[in-house]
Amino acid sequence: MPLMQELKYLAGYPQQVTSQVCHLIAENKLESHLLKKYPAPHEVRTDRALYDFTVGIKNEFLRTSEPIAKVAYDGKIHVIHNALGTHTFVSRVQGGKLKAKREIRIAAVFRQAPLELLRMIVVHELAHLKEKEHSRSFYQLCEHMEPAYHQLEFDMRLFLTQTELAGPLYRAD
């Protein structure tokens, strides 16, 4: 597999970083590197558990933002198209009022991911409740909710690379 295709999730990272990742891949050590850092997947398996997990973070950091109507894993989200999760604002007219519902969907690949990576994605989607664009203030809000946000984002890219190269990180025994 060509180098750039193997590292498509790391596009934009410095050559020094991508060469270290290539070295891990070449020596078949990327999986063990990730398992050492994240030995087990999270237990947030159902949509209801994901909703509760997300609302817990929202209530801790974004108490005054609008409520979230739905949070779910979505098998239709393809991480290849640069989406790990989505946030939508659905407006409907009910009677004489305009109702807005906020929904968050997380790519199904993260149903079997480390808790820290799931949290990073949830934090990212929650930050969109306040900041629509990926601006400096957006990333500051992400770091406020998850101080290790940028490291976790990088690790999530390693997780996706490993998953694509060799299948799921966590295998049922």
C-alpha atoms as a PDB file:
ATOM      1  CA  MET A   1       0.000   0.000   0.000  1.00  0.00           C
ATOM      2  CA  PRO A   2       1.509   3.385  -0.943  1.00  0.00           C
ATOM      3  CA  LEU A   3       2.737   5.541   1.913  1.00  0.00           C
ATOM      4  CA  MET A   4       0.294   8.408   1.379  1.00  0.00           C
ATOM      5  CA  GLN A   5      -2.685   6.059   1.237  1.00  0.00           C
ATOM      6  CA  GLU A   6      -1.562   4.340   4.450  1.00  0.00           C
ATOM      7  CA  LEU A   7      -1.286   7.704   6.189  1.00  0.00           C
ATOM      8  CA  LYS A   8      -4.293   9.504   4.746  1.00  0.00           C
ATOM      9  CA  TYR A   9      -5.538  10.231   8.269  1.00  0.00           C
ATOM     10  CA  LEU A  10      -2.226  11.982   8.996  1.00  0.00           C
ATOM     11  CA  ALA A  11      -2.221  14.260   5.951  1.00  0.00           C
ATOM     12  CA  GLY A  12      -0.897  17.655   6.937  1.00  0.00           C
ATOM     13  CA  TYR A  13       1.333  16.393   9.737  1.00  0.00           C
ATOM     14  CA  PRO A  14       5.077  17.114   9.454  1.00  0.00           C
ATOM     15  CA  GLN A  15       7.245  14.584   7.616  1.00  0.00           C
ATOM     16  CA  GLN A  16       9.129  13.851  10.845  1.00  0.00           C
ATOM     17  CA  VAL A  17       5.898  12.679  12.488  1.00  0.00           C
ATOM     18  CA  THR A  18       4.679  10.653   9.526  1.00  0.00           C
ATOM     19  CA  SER A  19       8.058   8.933   9.180  1.00  0.00           C
ATOM     20  CA  GLN A  20       7.841   7.812  12.827  1.00  0.00           C
ATOM     21  CA  VAL A  21       4.397   6.374  12.126  1.00  0.00           C
ATOM     22  CA  CYS A  22       5.715   4.667   8.973  1.00  0.00           C
ATOM     23  CA  HIS A  23       8.460   3.138  11.099  1.00  0.00           C
ATOM     24  CA  LEU A  24       5.884   1.767  13.569  1.00  0.00           C
ATOM     25  CA  ILE A  25       3.863   0.337  10.673  1.00  0.00           C
ATOM     26  CA  ALA A  26       6.912  -1.192   8.968  1.00  0.00           C
ATOM     27  CA  GLU A  27       7.964  -2.915  12.188  1.00  0.00           C
ATOM     28  CA  ASN A  28       4.368  -4.000  12.850  1.00  0.00           C
ATOM     29  CA  LYS A  29       4.352  -2.075  16.143  1.00  0.00           C
ATOM     30  CA  LEU A  30       1.510   0.406  15.672  1.00  0.00           C
ATOM     31  CA  GLU A  31      -1.048  -1.965  17.196  1.00  0.00           C
ATOM     32  CA  SER A  32       1.102  -2.678  20.277  1.00  0.00           C
ATOM     33  CA  HIS A  33       1.813   1.050  20.648  1.00  0.00           C
ATOM     34  CA  LEU A  34      -1.923   1.789  20.729  1.00  0.00           C
ATOM     35  CA  LEU A  35      -2.754  -1.158  22.998  1.00  0.00           C
ATOM     36  CA  LYS A  36      -0.083  -0.091  25.466  1.00  0.00           C
ATOM     37  CA  LYS A  37      -1.621   3.372  25.640  1.00  0.00           C
ATOM     38  CA  TYR A  38      -5.260   2.230  25.419  1.00  0.00           C
ATOM     39  CA  PRO A  39      -5.493  -1.377  26.664  1.00  0.00           C
ATOM     40  CA  ALA A  40      -9.278  -1.759  26.485  1.00  0.00           C
ATOM     41  CA  PRO A  41     -12.294  -0.429  24.600  1.00  0.00           C
ATOM     42  CA  HIS A  42     -14.939   1.664  26.330  1.00  0.00           C
ATOM     43  CA  GLU A  43     -18.232   0.257  27.572  1.00  0.00           C
ATOM     44  CA  VAL A  44     -20.461   2.920  25.959  1.00  0.00           C
ATOM     45  CA  ARG A  45     -22.045   0.476  23.514  1.00  0.00           C
ATOM     46  CA  THR A  46     -25.683   1.548  23.097  1.00  0.00           C
ATOM     47  CA  ASP A  47     -27.124   4.762  21.750  1.00  0.00           C
ATOM     48  CA  ARG A  48     -28.716   5.386  25.164  1.00  0.00           C
ATOM     49  CA  ALA A  49     -25.354   5.006  26.923  1.00  0.00           C
ATOM     50  CA  LEU A  50     -23.788   7.328  24.328  1.00  0.00           C
ATOM     51  CA  TYR A  51     -26.536   9.886  24.914  1.00  0.00           C
ATOM     52  CA  ASP A  52     -25.995   9.757  28.689  1.00  0.00           C
ATOM     53  CA  PHE A  53     -22.202  10.006  28.245  1.00  0.00           C
ATOM     54  CA  THR A  54     -22.568  13.033  25.932  1.00  0.00           C
ATOM     55  CA  VAL A  55     -25.112  14.835  28.107  1.00  0.00           C
ATOM     56  CA  GLY A  56     -22.873  14.310  31.138  1.00  0.00           C
ATOM     57  CA  ILE A  57     -20.014  16.146  29.408  1.00  0.00           C
ATOM     58  CA  LYS A  58     -22.394  18.811  28.086  1.00  0.00           C
ATOM     59  CA  ASN A  59     -23.825  19.432  31.554  1.00  0.00           C
ATOM     60  CA  GLU A  60     -20.345  19.794  33.010  1.00  0.00           C
ATOM     61  CA  PHE A  61     -19.048  22.322  30.474  1.00  0.00           C
ATOM     62  CA  LEU A  62     -21.943  23.716  28.403  1.00  0.00           C
ATOM     63  CA  ARG A  63     -24.738  23.887  30.928  1.00  0.00           C
ATOM     64  CA  THR A  64     -26.464  26.874  29.317  1.00  0.00           C
ATOM     65  CA  SER A  65     -26.386  25.613  25.725  1.00  0.00           C
ATOM     66  CA  GLU A  66     -29.473  24.225  24.060  1.00  0.00           C
ATOM     67  CA  PRO A  67     -30.453  20.650  24.957  1.00  0.00           C
ATOM     68  CA  ILE A  68     -29.517  17.743  22.727  1.00  0.00           C
ATOM     69  CA  ALA A  69     -32.447  15.726  21.407  1.00  0.00           C
ATOM     70  CA  LYS A  70     -30.545  12.697  20.153  1.00  0.00           C
ATOM     71  CA  VAL A  71     -27.085  11.131  20.235  1.00  0.00           C
ATOM     72  CA  ALA A  72     -26.437   7.927  18.311  1.00  0.00           C
ATOM     73  CA  TYR A  73     -23.823   5.771  16.643  1.00  0.00           C
ATOM     74  CA  ASP A  74     -24.244   5.949  12.888  1.00  0.00           C
ATOM     75  CA  GLY A  75     -22.982   3.266  10.533  1.00  0.00           C
ATOM     76  CA  LYS A  76     -23.528   5.581   7.561  1.00  0.00           C
ATOM     77  CA  ILE A  77     -20.819   8.033   8.623  1.00  0.00           C
ATOM     78  CA  HIS A  78     -17.656   7.198   6.753  1.00  0.00           C
ATOM     79  CA  VAL A  79     -14.451   8.404   8.358  1.00  0.00           C
ATOM     80  CA  ILE A  80     -12.859   8.324   4.920  1.00  0.00           C
ATOM     81  CA  HIS A  81     -14.912  11.401   4.024  1.00  0.00           C
ATOM     82  CA  ASN A  82     -13.405  13.327   6.957  1.00  0.00           C
ATOM     83  CA  ALA A  83     -16.348  12.779   9.265  1.00  0.00           C
ATOM     84  CA  LEU A  84     -15.978  11.201  12.683  1.00  0.00           C
ATOM     85  CA  GLY A  85     -19.244  12.536  13.909  1.00  0.00           C
ATOM     86  CA  THR A  86     -21.862  15.026  12.866  1.00  0.00           C
ATOM     87  CA  HIS A  87     -23.938  17.623  14.590  1.00  0.00           C
ATOM     88  CA  THR A  88     -27.201  18.771  13.091  1.00  0.00           C
ATOM     89  CA  PHE A  89     -29.738  21.396  13.892  1.00  0.00           C
ATOM     90  CA  VAL A  90     -33.150  20.264  12.703  1.00  0.00           C
ATOM     91  CA  SER A  91     -35.814  22.981  12.574  1.00  0.00           C
ATOM     92  CA  ARG A  92     -39.467  22.068  12.403  1.00  0.00           C
ATOM     93  CA  VAL A  93     -42.654  24.047  12.606  1.00  0.00           C
ATOM     94  CA  GLN A  94     -44.952  22.680  15.301  1.00  0.00           C
ATOM     95  CA  GLY A  95     -48.178  24.575  15.564  1.00  0.00           C
ATOM     96  CA  GLY A  96     -47.258  28.249  15.434  1.00  0.00           C
ATOM     97  CA  LYS A  97     -43.736  27.732  16.809  1.00  0.00           C
ATOM     98  CA  LEU A  98     -40.420  26.921  15.237  1.00  0.00           C
ATOM     99  CA  LYS A  99     -38.739  24.091  17.142  1.00  0.00           C
ATOM    100  CA  ALA A 100     -35.028  23.359  16.829  1.00  0.00           C
ATOM    101  CA  LYS A 101     -33.614  19.969  17.729  1.00  0.00           C
ATOM    102  CA  ARG A 102     -29.920  19.285  18.040  1.00  0.00           C
ATOM    103  CA  GLU A 103     -28.574  15.858  17.180  1.00  0.00           C
ATOM    104  CA  ILE A 104     -25.115  14.342  17.368  1.00  0.00           C
ATOM    105  CA  ARG A 105     -24.113  11.219  15.471  1.00  0.00           C
ATOM    106  CA  ILE A 106     -20.827   9.386  16.014  1.00  0.00           C
ATOM    107  CA  ALA A 107     -19.251   7.055  13.428  1.00  0.00           C
ATOM    108  CA  ALA A 108     -19.956   3.422  14.329  1.00  0.00           C
ATOM    109  CA  VAL A 109     -16.239   2.547  14.187  1.00  0.00           C
ATOM    110  CA  PHE A 110     -15.933   4.298  17.564  1.00  0.00           C
ATOM    111  CA  ARG A 111     -18.298   1.830  19.235  1.00  0.00           C
ATOM    112  CA  GLN A 112     -15.140  -0.284  19.764  1.00  0.00           C
ATOM    113  CA  ALA A 113     -12.625   2.452  20.586  1.00  0.00           C
ATOM    114  CA  PRO A 114     -10.802   3.623  23.694  1.00  0.00           C
ATOM    115  CA  LEU A 115     -12.931   5.785  25.984  1.00  0.00           C
ATOM    116  CA  GLU A 116     -10.491   8.689  25.631  1.00  0.00           C
ATOM    117  CA  LEU A 117     -10.946   8.766  21.849  1.00  0.00           C
ATOM    118  CA  LEU A 118     -14.731   8.577  22.114  1.00  0.00           C
ATOM    119  CA  ARG A 119     -14.627  11.451  24.590  1.00  0.00           C
ATOM    120  CA  MET A 120     -12.471  13.527  22.210  1.00  0.00           C
ATOM    121  CA  ILE A 121     -15.005  13.067  19.391  1.00  0.00           C
ATOM    122  CA  VAL A 122     -17.948  13.889  21.670  1.00  0.00           C
ATOM    123  CA  VAL A 123     -16.139  17.007  22.924  1.00  0.00           C
ATOM    124  CA  HIS A 124     -15.521  18.040  19.316  1.00  0.00           C
ATOM    125  CA  GLU A 125     -19.185  17.703  18.400  1.00  0.00           C
ATOM    126  CA  LEU A 126     -20.327  19.447  21.592  1.00  0.00           C
ATOM    127  CA  ALA A 127     -18.013  22.375  20.846  1.00  0.00           C
ATOM    128  CA  HIS A 128     -20.028  22.923  17.668  1.00  0.00           C
ATOM    129  CA  LEU A 129     -23.015  23.835  19.859  1.00  0.00           C
ATOM    130  CA  LYS A 130     -21.214  27.089  20.668  1.00  0.00           C
ATOM    131  CA  GLU A 131     -18.743  27.488  17.805  1.00  0.00           C
ATOM    132  CA  LYS A 132     -19.951  26.520  14.347  1.00  0.00           C
ATOM    133  CA  GLU A 133     -16.591  26.809  12.559  1.00  0.00           C
ATOM    134  CA  HIS A 134     -13.226  25.204  13.315  1.00  0.00           C
ATOM    135  CA  SER A 135     -11.723  28.443  14.590  1.00  0.00           C
ATOM    136  CA  ARG A 136      -9.224  29.278  17.306  1.00  0.00           C
ATOM    137  CA  SER A 137     -12.053  29.734  19.824  1.00  0.00           C
ATOM    138  CA  PHE A 138     -13.515  26.365  18.772  1.00  0.00           C
ATOM    139  CA  TYR A 139     -10.257  24.555  19.581  1.00  0.00           C
ATOM    140  CA  GLN A 140      -9.845  26.528  22.818  1.00  0.00           C
ATOM    141  CA  LEU A 141     -13.279  25.285  23.874  1.00  0.00           C
ATOM    142  CA  CYS A 142     -12.279  21.710  22.947  1.00  0.00           C
ATOM    143  CA  GLU A 143      -9.133  22.046  25.072  1.00  0.00           C
ATOM    144  CA  HIS A 144     -11.187  23.483  27.954  1.00  0.00           C
ATOM    145  CA  MET A 145     -13.437  20.408  27.918  1.00  0.00           C
ATOM    146  CA  GLU A 146     -10.573  17.963  27.226  1.00  0.00           C
ATOM    147  CA  PRO A 147      -7.078  19.302  28.040  1.00  0.00           C
ATOM    148  CA  ALA A 148      -5.389  16.498  26.052  1.00  0.00           C
ATOM    149  CA  TYR A 149      -7.597  17.196  23.015  1.00  0.00           C
ATOM    150  CA  HIS A 150      -4.828  17.594  20.426  1.00  0.00           C
ATOM    151  CA  GLN A 151      -2.903  14.495  21.536  1.00  0.00           C
ATOM    152  CA  LEU A 152      -6.127  12.480  21.540  1.00  0.00           C
ATOM    153  CA  GLU A 153      -6.965  13.750  18.051  1.00  0.00           C
ATOM    154  CA  PHE A 154      -3.571  12.513  16.837  1.00  0.00           C
ATOM    155  CA  ASP A 155      -4.039   9.166  18.605  1.00  0.00           C
ATOM    156  CA  MET A 156      -7.480   8.864  17.022  1.00  0.00           C
ATOM    157  CA  ARG A 157      -5.802   9.239  13.616  1.00  0.00           C
ATOM    158  CA  LEU A 158      -3.378   6.461  14.559  1.00  0.00           C
ATOM    159  CA  PHE A 159      -6.342   4.332  15.675  1.00  0.00           C
ATOM    160  CA  LEU A 160      -8.073   4.851  12.310  1.00  0.00           C
ATOM    161  CA  THR A 161      -4.860   4.048  10.429  1.00  0.00           C
ATOM    162  CA  GLN A 162      -4.404   0.828  12.410  1.00  0.00           C
ATOM    163  CA  THR A 163      -8.057  -0.123  11.962  1.00  0.00           C
ATOM    164  CA  GLU A 164      -7.825   0.343   8.213  1.00  0.00           C
ATOM    165  CA  LEU A 165      -4.542  -1.544   7.890  1.00  0.00           C
ATOM    166  CA  ALA A 166      -5.274  -4.517  10.142  1.00  0.00           C
ATOM    167  CA  GLY A 167      -8.916  -4.438  11.239  1.00  0.00           C
ATOM    168  CA  PRO A 168     -10.329  -3.622  14.662  1.00  0.00           C
ATOM    169  CA  LEU A 169      -7.833  -2.842  17.415  1.00  0.00           C
ATOM    170  CA  TYR A 170      -9.797  -4.865  19.960  1.00  0.00           C
ATOM    171  CA  ARG A 171     -10.681  -8.370  18.909  1.00  0.00           C
ATOM    172  CA  ALA A 172     -13.142 -10.667  20.628  1.00  0.00           C
ATOM    173  CA  ASP A 173     -11.305 -13.675  21.992  1.00  0.00           C
END
